[in-house]
Amino acid sequence: MCLVSPTGSGKTRMGCELPLRLQGRGLWLAHRTELIKQAADRLREGGFEVGMVSPEFAPDPWARIQVASLDTLAARGVRPAADWVIHDECHHAMAETYDAVLESYRQSVLVGLTATPQRRDGKALAHRFDALVVAATYSQLLREGHIVPCRVFRPDEYLGSDLAKEPLVAYQELERIAGRAPLTFAFAQTVEKAREYADEFSQAGIPSASLTAKTPKAERDDILERFKAGRIRVLWNVYVLTEGVDIPQARVCLLARGVSHAGPFIQMCGRVLRPAEGKTSAILLDLSGASHLHGLPTADRDYALDGRVITVVGEPLKNCPKCGATIPAAENPCGVCRFVFQKQERRGPKIWDLELREAVEAVGGNAADVSIEHKKKEWERLYKLGKERGYAVGWAEFNYRNLFGEKPQWVREIPFDEKKAEWTRLLTTAQQKGYKAGWAAYRFKAAFGMYPPRSWM
């Protein structure tokens, strides 16, 4: 079973309840030192006898429950006996090294814990898990006070790798709203950029530091302690602070980068949603507009094990451009600052390719009138992007039709092996949903203009 619940909802607490209901020896798996220590501490608080399998901790092989580093198990080739296994941050389960470890426990009860059951490479978790259970939604957690509301400041659209403002300028503007140097998790595009921003902020009188995957443990621990104490106000990184870091007093998530996948975006924003004394709201300073792609941080979401992307569901929300409040989409004026929303004229599809944009403008603004060469180039771009993100062929077709008002004529040229891979994906989805194979065949025909060969059925 894959147990899904937002960051800050207490997944570790939920996991610690399971040993009360599961008999025999247990194994708790995690991929980071912070997660290992956190789980061991919580289990001991619950009265359990716990051993640890990691170079940084003394072993106790006789303990009923072992909390183990996945990397350590993989490197040593050891497999502690276990009748049940809990895998923390289980969206990493399909990584080749970790999957090999889990393969040894096929006869054990397996429970995965995650806030984001989606991998950036598109691999489906259904290979390892039979069922998905959502323990709590964002709206539930907000109502009960387990997470705080999130104010969002962002550009009018997603800018990709571009930024609406320089991070220091945006942060200094934010200080006038949130107070002097609020405690901030900041995410940069590269390690070099993270270091550069940390230096720039520090020189401007805002104590900052950066962490990387190669930061020595002692130095990392010292930086985190100074951050918790407020001696460091802005902590920069790329991905190392997306999981396993619990500092509720941090109030601001600063995204100085594009984020093309929902999983990392949700994990990054989740760093600041936990409640703390005196904290009434969190703030997302979204300089690339990634929240336009993935939804506002506290929106409810739909999850799947078949590799489909995480999508926003439930009551539509919007962001107030004046005060940053997250409010119901139908609310006007803003219930927080009384900002009045003006009716927006409907705009056509966003054209990302600069050359195509100029070509559309040259023919009077109607994309359908551009040359076949421009259309083919845009199809190739969409198809390549969809493959990189693990999307179905239909995603590229939909965006092409939305722009040009016609079906791409190059679908039939897609290589045979890629068509077969798409058929396999559709058939797997049909089986998981309890649909007949005809559903997959119909979707295949809609994508490629032909039914799959009878030999594939």
Protein backbone atom coordinates (compact mmCIF):
# COMPACT_ATOMS: atom_id res chain seq x y z
CA MET A 1 0.00 0.00 0.00
CA CYS A 2 1.17 3.53 -0.81
CA LEU A 3 0.01 6.01 1.86
CA VAL A 4 -0.18 9.55 0.48
CA SER A 5 -0.48 12.63 2.68
CA PRO A 6 0.79 16.22 2.32
CA THR A 7 4.04 17.45 3.81
CA GLY A 8 3.45 18.42 7.43
CA SER A 9 0.51 16.04 7.92
CA GLY A 10 2.48 13.60 10.09
CA LYS A 11 3.36 10.70 7.78
CA THR A 12 6.09 9.57 10.16
CA ARG A 13 3.55 9.54 13.02
CA MET A 14 1.20 7.49 10.85
CA GLY A 15 3.99 5.06 10.06
CA CYS A 16 4.83 4.72 13.75
CA GLU A 17 1.26 3.52 14.42
CA LEU A 18 1.71 0.53 12.12
CA PRO A 19 4.02 -1.52 14.39
CA LEU A 20 1.16 -1.59 16.91
CA ARG A 21 -0.95 -3.45 14.35
CA LEU A 22 1.68 -5.51 12.50
CA GLN A 23 3.22 -8.59 14.07
CA GLY A 24 6.78 -9.86 13.77
CA ARG A 25 9.99 -8.06 12.87
CA GLY A 26 9.89 -4.76 11.04
CA LEU A 27 12.13 -2.74 8.76
CA TRP A 28 11.87 1.03 8.20
CA LEU A 29 13.66 2.25 5.07
CA ALA A 30 14.79 5.79 4.26
CA HIS A 31 17.33 7.37 1.92
CA ARG A 32 18.58 10.26 4.08
CA THR A 33 20.24 10.46 7.48
CA GLU A 34 17.69 13.00 8.73
CA LEU A 35 14.80 10.68 7.88
CA ILE A 36 16.51 7.71 9.52
CA LYS A 37 17.13 9.56 12.78
CA GLN A 38 13.66 11.09 12.76
CA ALA A 39 11.97 7.70 12.35
CA ALA A 40 14.12 6.03 15.02
CA ASP A 41 13.42 8.82 17.53
CA ARG A 42 9.66 8.66 16.92
CA LEU A 43 9.56 4.87 17.21
CA ARG A 44 11.51 4.97 20.48
CA GLU A 45 9.12 7.61 21.80
CA GLY A 46 6.37 5.07 21.11
CA GLY A 47 8.14 2.51 23.28
CA PHE A 48 9.59 0.34 20.51
CA GLU A 49 12.99 -1.33 20.60
CA VAL A 50 14.87 0.07 17.60
CA GLY A 51 18.15 -0.78 15.88
CA MET A 52 19.78 1.30 13.16
CA VAL A 53 21.60 0.20 10.01
CA SER A 54 23.73 3.14 8.93
CA PRO A 55 27.45 3.98 9.26
CA GLU A 56 26.64 6.92 11.52
CA PHE A 57 24.80 4.94 14.21
CA ALA A 58 25.67 2.00 16.46
CA PRO A 59 23.85 -1.20 15.44
CA ASP A 60 21.46 -3.28 17.55
CA PRO A 61 20.70 -6.37 15.45
CA TRP A 62 18.46 -7.90 18.14
CA ALA A 63 15.94 -5.06 18.13
CA ARG A 64 12.48 -5.93 16.80
CA ILE A 65 12.48 -2.94 14.41
CA GLN A 66 15.43 -1.91 12.26
CA VAL A 67 15.59 1.58 10.75
CA ALA A 68 17.93 1.33 7.79
CA SER A 69 19.60 3.45 5.15
CA LEU A 70 18.70 2.15 1.71
CA ASP A 71 22.15 3.06 0.43
CA THR A 72 23.78 1.12 3.29
CA LEU A 73 21.71 -1.99 2.59
CA ALA A 74 22.54 -1.77 -1.10
CA ALA A 75 26.27 -1.22 -0.51
CA ARG A 76 26.67 -3.95 2.12
CA GLY A 77 24.34 -6.43 0.46
CA VAL A 78 22.63 -7.12 3.78
CA ARG A 79 18.89 -7.70 4.15
CA PRO A 80 17.60 -7.66 7.74
CA ALA A 81 14.76 -10.14 8.29
CA ALA A 82 11.39 -8.38 8.16
CA ASP A 83 7.76 -9.45 8.17
CA TRP A 84 6.75 -5.89 7.27
CA VAL A 85 8.53 -2.97 5.64
CA ILE A 86 7.80 0.76 5.78
CA HIS A 87 9.44 2.78 2.99
CA ASP A 88 9.62 6.51 3.76
CA GLU A 89 9.56 8.89 0.76
CA CYS A 90 8.56 5.88 -1.34
CA HIS A 91 8.43 7.80 -4.64
CA HIS A 92 12.14 6.89 -4.75
CA ALA A 93 11.18 3.19 -4.81
CA MET A 94 11.71 2.82 -8.56
CA ALA A 95 15.32 4.00 -8.46
CA GLU A 96 17.31 0.99 -9.65
CA THR A 97 19.39 0.63 -6.47
CA TYR A 98 16.43 0.92 -4.11
CA ASP A 99 14.17 -1.30 -6.19
CA ALA A 100 16.78 -4.06 -5.92
CA VAL A 101 16.60 -3.84 -2.11
CA LEU A 102 12.78 -3.94 -2.08
CA GLU A 103 12.81 -6.96 -4.38
CA SER A 104 14.17 -8.97 -1.43
CA TYR A 105 11.00 -8.23 0.55
CA ARG A 106 8.30 -9.33 -1.89
CA GLN A 107 6.88 -11.70 0.76
CA SER A 108 6.67 -8.93 3.36
CA VAL A 109 3.88 -6.42 3.92
CA LEU A 110 5.06 -3.17 2.26
CA VAL A 111 3.74 0.28 3.19
CA GLY A 112 5.07 3.34 1.38
CA LEU A 113 4.85 6.89 2.77
CA THR A 114 4.98 9.94 0.49
CA ALA A 115 3.47 13.33 -0.23
CA THR A 116 4.17 12.99 -3.95
CA PRO A 117 3.66 9.56 -5.59
CA GLN A 118 5.20 10.70 -8.86
CA ARG A 119 8.72 10.41 -10.23
CA ARG A 120 10.39 12.90 -12.53
CA ASP A 121 11.31 10.08 -14.93
CA GLY A 122 7.64 9.02 -15.20
CA LYS A 123 8.19 5.47 -13.86
CA ALA A 124 4.99 4.07 -12.40
CA LEU A 125 4.93 3.08 -8.72
CA ALA A 126 2.34 0.41 -9.58
CA HIS A 127 5.27 -1.95 -10.16
CA ARG A 128 5.83 -1.98 -6.40
CA PHE A 129 2.48 -0.99 -4.82
CA ASP A 130 -0.99 -2.52 -5.22
CA ALA A 131 -3.10 0.31 -3.80
CA LEU A 132 -2.98 4.03 -3.06
CA VAL A 133 -4.65 5.52 0.03
CA VAL A 134 -4.91 9.28 0.61
CA ALA A 135 -4.71 9.87 4.36
CA ALA A 136 -5.53 13.59 4.31
CA THR A 137 -6.14 16.45 1.89
CA TYR A 138 -4.76 19.97 2.05
CA SER A 139 -8.23 21.41 2.68
CA GLN A 140 -8.73 19.05 5.65
CA LEU A 141 -5.35 19.92 7.12
CA LEU A 142 -6.03 23.64 6.74
CA ARG A 143 -9.42 23.38 8.47
CA GLU A 144 -7.91 21.49 11.41
CA GLY A 145 -4.84 23.72 11.74
CA HIS A 146 -2.22 21.10 10.84
CA ILE A 147 -0.85 23.34 8.08
CA VAL A 148 -1.06 27.12 7.59
CA PRO A 149 -2.52 29.09 4.66
CA CYS A 150 -0.03 30.11 1.99
CA ARG A 151 0.25 33.55 0.39
CA VAL A 152 1.72 33.45 -3.12
CA PHE A 153 3.56 36.16 -5.03
CA ARG A 154 4.23 35.27 -8.67
CA PRO A 155 4.33 36.62 -12.25
CA ASP A 156 1.27 36.41 -14.51
CA GLU A 157 2.47 33.24 -16.23
CA TYR A 158 5.07 30.47 -16.01
CA LEU A 159 8.42 31.79 -17.23
CA GLY A 160 10.31 28.49 -17.36
CA SER A 161 13.96 29.05 -16.46
CA ASP A 162 13.51 32.85 -16.52
CA LEU A 163 12.78 34.86 -13.37
CA ALA A 164 10.34 37.74 -13.00
CA LYS A 165 12.77 39.60 -10.70
CA GLU A 166 16.23 39.23 -9.26
CA PRO A 167 15.90 37.17 -6.04
CA LEU A 168 17.49 39.82 -3.80
CA VAL A 169 15.21 42.58 -5.15
CA ALA A 170 12.12 40.38 -4.74
CA TYR A 171 13.15 39.38 -1.22
CA GLN A 172 13.75 42.95 -0.13
CA GLU A 173 10.30 43.87 -1.43
CA LEU A 174 8.85 40.95 0.53
CA GLU A 175 10.48 42.19 3.74
CA ARG A 176 8.19 45.21 3.66
CA ILE A 177 5.23 42.81 3.83
CA ALA A 178 6.51 39.96 5.99
CA GLY A 179 8.90 41.78 8.29
CA ARG A 180 12.66 41.89 8.51
CA ALA A 181 14.36 38.88 6.86
CA PRO A 182 11.77 36.12 7.42
CA LEU A 183 13.27 32.63 7.77
CA THR A 184 13.44 31.28 4.21
CA PHE A 185 14.13 28.05 2.32
CA ALA A 186 15.47 29.18 -1.07
CA PHE A 187 15.84 27.00 -4.17
CA ALA A 188 18.20 27.83 -7.04
CA GLN A 189 18.68 26.29 -10.49
CA THR A 190 22.30 25.19 -9.91
CA VAL A 191 24.79 24.78 -7.07
CA GLU A 192 26.81 27.69 -8.47
CA LYS A 193 23.73 29.92 -8.46
CA ALA A 194 22.87 28.90 -4.88
CA ARG A 195 26.32 29.94 -3.69
CA GLU A 196 26.20 33.15 -5.71
CA TYR A 197 22.80 34.12 -4.27
CA ALA A 198 23.88 33.27 -0.72
CA ASP A 199 26.90 35.57 -1.05
CA GLU A 200 24.78 38.33 -2.60
CA PHE A 201 22.18 38.17 0.19
CA SER A 202 24.84 38.13 2.92
CA GLN A 203 26.59 41.17 1.43
CA ALA A 204 23.22 42.95 1.48
CA GLY A 205 22.92 42.35 5.23
CA ILE A 206 20.68 39.24 5.06
CA PRO A 207 22.63 36.35 6.69
CA SER A 208 22.54 33.48 4.20
CA ALA A 209 24.22 30.17 3.44
CA SER A 210 24.03 27.38 0.89
CA LEU A 211 23.98 23.60 1.20
CA THR A 212 24.84 20.98 -1.41
CA ALA A 213 24.80 17.20 -1.51
CA LYS A 214 28.57 17.32 -0.90
CA THR A 215 28.47 19.55 2.19
CA PRO A 216 30.22 17.60 5.03
CA LYS A 217 27.78 16.34 7.66
CA ALA A 218 29.28 18.37 10.51
CA GLU A 219 29.10 21.55 8.46
CA ARG A 220 25.58 20.71 7.28
CA ASP A 221 24.39 20.12 10.86
CA ASP A 222 25.96 23.39 11.99
CA ILE A 223 24.29 25.35 9.17
CA LEU A 224 20.88 23.82 9.93
CA GLU A 225 21.24 24.59 13.65
CA ARG A 226 22.14 28.22 12.89
CA PHE A 227 19.19 28.40 10.51
CA LYS A 228 16.81 27.06 13.19
CA ALA A 229 18.20 29.61 15.65
CA GLY A 230 17.70 32.45 13.14
CA ARG A 231 21.39 33.31 12.78
CA ILE A 232 21.04 32.31 9.12
CA ARG A 233 17.90 33.81 7.58
CA VAL A 234 17.97 32.46 4.02
CA LEU A 235 19.17 28.92 3.31
CA TRP A 236 19.94 28.22 -0.35
CA ASN A 237 20.07 24.82 -2.09
CA VAL A 238 19.04 23.05 -5.28
CA TYR A 239 17.30 19.82 -4.16
CA VAL A 240 18.89 18.74 -0.84
CA LEU A 241 16.24 20.48 1.30
CA THR A 242 13.16 19.12 -0.47
CA GLU A 243 12.73 16.20 1.96
CA GLY A 244 13.59 15.21 5.52
CA VAL A 245 13.99 18.74 6.90
CA ASP A 246 11.50 19.75 9.58
CA ILE A 247 11.89 23.42 10.61
CA PRO A 248 8.35 24.72 11.21
CA GLN A 249 9.45 28.27 12.04
CA ALA A 250 10.58 28.76 8.39
CA ARG A 251 7.93 30.92 6.78
CA VAL A 252 9.05 31.64 3.20
CA CYS A 253 9.76 29.36 0.23
CA LEU A 254 11.74 31.29 -2.40
CA LEU A 255 11.75 29.66 -5.85
CA ALA A 256 14.49 31.27 -7.91
CA ARG A 257 14.18 28.58 -10.58
CA GLY A 258 11.73 26.87 -12.87
CA VAL A 259 10.14 23.64 -11.63
CA SER A 260 8.69 21.52 -14.42
CA HIS A 261 7.53 18.55 -12.30
CA ALA A 262 4.80 18.61 -9.66
CA GLY A 263 6.62 16.37 -7.16
CA PRO A 264 9.60 18.66 -6.42
CA PHE A 265 7.34 21.72 -6.48
CA ILE A 266 5.03 20.26 -3.82
CA GLN A 267 7.97 19.11 -1.70
CA MET A 268 9.64 22.54 -1.87
CA CYS A 269 6.49 24.42 -0.90
CA GLY A 270 5.77 21.90 1.84
CA ARG A 271 8.88 23.02 3.75
CA VAL A 272 7.05 26.11 4.99
CA LEU A 273 3.46 24.90 5.51
CA ARG A 274 3.98 23.48 9.02
CA PRO A 275 2.48 25.59 11.83
CA ALA A 276 4.65 27.23 14.48
CA GLU A 277 4.15 29.64 17.36
CA GLY A 278 3.20 33.08 16.02
CA LYS A 279 3.05 31.83 12.42
CA THR A 280 -0.29 32.64 10.79
CA SER A 281 0.65 31.97 7.15
CA ALA A 282 3.41 30.79 4.87
CA ILE A 283 4.65 32.68 1.81
CA LEU A 284 5.67 31.34 -1.60
CA LEU A 285 7.84 33.78 -3.52
CA ASP A 286 7.48 32.10 -6.93
CA LEU A 287 9.81 34.01 -9.26
CA SER A 288 9.34 31.65 -12.23
CA GLY A 289 5.57 31.26 -11.87
CA ALA A 290 5.83 27.47 -11.42
CA SER A 291 2.58 27.51 -9.42
CA HIS A 292 0.77 28.26 -12.71
CA LEU A 293 1.83 24.77 -13.83
CA HIS A 294 1.29 22.82 -10.63
CA GLY A 295 -1.39 24.71 -8.73
CA LEU A 296 -1.29 26.77 -5.56
CA PRO A 297 0.54 25.10 -2.64
CA THR A 298 -2.57 24.27 -0.58
CA ALA A 299 -4.81 23.09 -3.44
CA ASP A 300 -6.19 19.54 -3.14
CA ARG A 301 -4.66 17.06 -5.58
CA ASP A 302 -5.34 13.80 -7.37
CA TYR A 303 -2.68 11.08 -7.27
CA ALA A 304 -2.07 7.84 -9.18
CA LEU A 305 0.30 4.87 -9.19
CA ASP A 306 0.34 4.44 -12.98
CA GLY A 307 2.79 7.26 -13.70
CA ARG A 308 0.18 9.95 -14.38
CA VAL A 309 1.13 13.42 -13.21
CA ILE A 310 -0.27 14.86 -9.97
CA THR A 311 -3.18 17.15 -10.82
CA VAL A 312 -5.16 19.78 -8.91
CA VAL A 313 -8.76 18.85 -7.97
CA GLY A 314 -11.51 20.11 -5.69
CA GLU A 315 -12.64 23.68 -5.25
CA PRO A 316 -10.92 25.99 -7.79
CA LEU A 317 -8.56 28.46 -6.11
CA LYS A 318 -6.90 31.65 -7.24
CA ASN A 319 -4.17 33.93 -6.04
CA CYS A 320 -4.74 37.57 -5.10
CA PRO A 321 -2.06 39.59 -6.93
CA LYS A 322 -2.14 42.31 -4.27
CA CYS A 323 -1.88 40.49 -0.92
CA GLY A 324 -0.90 37.01 -2.16
CA ALA A 325 -3.84 35.30 -0.46
CA THR A 326 -5.08 31.95 -1.75
CA ILE A 327 -8.85 32.30 -2.09
CA PRO A 328 -11.77 30.52 -3.85
CA ALA A 329 -11.79 31.25 -7.59
CA ALA A 330 -15.29 32.73 -7.45
CA GLU A 331 -14.45 35.20 -4.67
CA ASN A 332 -14.47 38.86 -5.76
CA PRO A 333 -13.32 41.09 -4.17
CA CYS A 334 -10.50 39.39 -2.22
CA GLY A 335 -11.76 38.54 1.24
CA VAL A 336 -8.41 39.52 2.78
CA CYS A 337 -7.44 42.86 1.20
CA ARG A 338 -10.64 43.71 -0.78
CA PHE A 339 -8.76 43.80 -4.09
CA VAL A 340 -11.28 43.80 -6.97
CA PHE A 341 -10.54 41.34 -9.79
CA GLN A 342 -11.15 42.69 -13.28
CA LYS A 343 -12.56 40.40 -15.97
CA GLN A 344 -9.73 39.18 -18.17
CA GLU A 345 -9.99 38.90 -21.93
CA ARG A 346 -9.55 35.36 -23.10
CA ARG A 347 -6.12 34.81 -24.59
CA GLY A 348 -5.01 32.25 -27.12
CA PRO A 349 -2.59 29.41 -26.35
CA LYS A 350 0.87 30.40 -25.14
CA ILE A 351 3.49 30.12 -27.91
CA TRP A 352 6.83 29.21 -26.36
CA ASP A 353 8.99 29.11 -29.51
CA LEU A 354 10.15 32.63 -30.37
CA GLU A 355 10.50 31.90 -34.10
CA LEU A 356 6.97 30.47 -34.25
CA ARG A 357 5.60 33.45 -32.31
CA GLU A 358 7.10 35.84 -34.87
CA ALA A 359 5.71 33.71 -37.73
CA VAL A 360 2.20 33.82 -36.21
CA GLU A 361 2.41 37.59 -35.79
CA ALA A 362 3.55 37.90 -39.44
CA VAL A 363 0.38 36.16 -40.71
CA GLY A 364 -1.97 38.29 -38.64
CA GLY A 365 -2.09 36.29 -35.40
CA ASN A 366 -3.74 33.09 -36.66
CA ALA A 367 -1.42 30.15 -35.98
CA ALA A 368 -3.30 27.97 -38.48
CA ASP A 369 -1.94 30.15 -41.32
CA VAL A 370 1.79 29.58 -40.69
CA SER A 371 3.84 27.37 -43.02
CA ILE A 372 3.92 23.59 -42.76
CA GLU A 373 7.61 23.84 -41.79
CA HIS A 374 6.74 25.86 -38.68
CA LYS A 375 3.98 23.43 -37.77
CA LYS A 376 6.27 20.42 -38.13
CA LYS A 377 8.94 22.05 -35.99
CA GLU A 378 6.40 22.79 -33.24
CA TRP A 379 5.09 19.19 -33.38
CA GLU A 380 8.63 17.86 -32.99
CA ARG A 381 9.20 20.17 -30.02
CA LEU A 382 5.97 19.12 -28.29
CA TYR A 383 6.57 15.42 -28.96
CA LYS A 384 10.11 15.59 -27.58
CA LEU A 385 8.98 17.54 -24.50
CA GLY A 386 6.18 15.06 -23.82
CA LYS A 387 8.63 12.13 -23.97
CA GLU A 388 11.02 13.87 -21.58
CA ARG A 389 8.20 14.43 -19.08
CA GLY A 390 6.77 10.93 -19.44
CA TYR A 391 3.47 12.14 -20.93
CA ALA A 392 1.27 10.21 -23.32
CA VAL A 393 1.40 11.04 -27.04
CA GLY A 394 -2.05 12.55 -26.62
CA TRP A 395 -0.55 15.41 -24.59
CA ALA A 396 1.53 16.58 -27.58
CA GLU A 397 -1.46 16.11 -29.91
CA PHE A 398 -3.77 18.11 -27.64
CA ASN A 399 -1.37 21.05 -27.41
CA TYR A 400 -0.76 20.95 -31.18
CA ARG A 401 -4.51 20.97 -31.96
CA ASN A 402 -5.10 23.67 -29.38
CA LEU A 403 -2.63 25.91 -31.20
CA PHE A 404 -3.25 25.10 -34.86
CA GLY A 405 -6.83 23.79 -34.82
CA GLU A 406 -5.91 20.57 -36.64
CA LYS A 407 -4.47 17.12 -35.93
CA PRO A 408 -0.69 16.76 -36.50
CA GLN A 409 -0.04 14.82 -39.70
CA TRP A 410 3.26 13.37 -38.45
CA VAL A 411 1.79 11.02 -35.85
CA ARG A 412 2.00 8.06 -38.23
CA GLU A 413 5.77 8.63 -38.50
CA ILE A 414 6.34 7.83 -34.82
CA PRO A 415 8.69 4.79 -34.63
CA PHE A 416 7.16 1.34 -34.23
CA ASP A 417 8.80 0.65 -30.85
CA GLU A 418 7.47 3.90 -29.40
CA LYS A 419 3.95 3.07 -30.58
CA LYS A 420 4.22 -0.32 -28.92
CA ALA A 421 5.46 1.27 -25.68
CA GLU A 422 2.46 3.60 -25.76
CA TRP A 423 0.14 0.62 -26.27
CA THR A 424 1.70 -1.14 -23.27
CA ARG A 425 1.19 1.97 -21.13
CA LEU A 426 -2.46 2.29 -22.20
CA LEU A 427 -3.13 -1.40 -21.57
CA THR A 428 -1.57 -1.18 -18.08
CA THR A 429 -3.72 1.85 -17.28
CA ALA A 430 -6.83 0.00 -18.48
CA GLN A 431 -6.06 -3.00 -16.26
CA GLN A 432 -5.47 -0.80 -13.21
CA LYS A 433 -8.76 1.02 -13.75
CA GLY A 434 -10.69 -2.17 -14.44
CA TYR A 435 -11.40 -1.15 -18.07
CA LYS A 436 -11.56 -3.53 -21.01
CA ALA A 437 -8.75 -3.72 -23.58
CA GLY A 438 -11.06 -1.99 -26.03
CA TRP A 439 -10.65 1.24 -24.06
CA ALA A 440 -6.89 1.10 -24.62
CA ALA A 441 -7.41 0.27 -28.31
CA TYR A 442 -9.75 3.24 -28.74
CA ARG A 443 -7.26 5.61 -27.06
CA PHE A 444 -4.47 4.19 -29.26
CA LYS A 445 -6.53 4.84 -32.40
CA ALA A 446 -7.33 8.37 -31.25
CA ALA A 447 -3.60 9.01 -30.90
CA PHE A 448 -2.25 7.27 -34.00
CA GLY A 449 -5.23 7.04 -36.38
CA MET A 450 -5.09 3.25 -36.38
CA TYR A 451 -5.89 0.35 -34.07
CA PRO A 452 -2.98 -1.62 -32.55
CA PRO A 453 -1.97 -4.77 -34.50
CA ARG A 454 -4.03 -7.80 -33.60
CA SER A 455 -0.83 -9.55 -32.46
CA TRP A 456 -0.52 -7.03 -29.60
CA MET A 457 -4.03 -7.65 -28.24
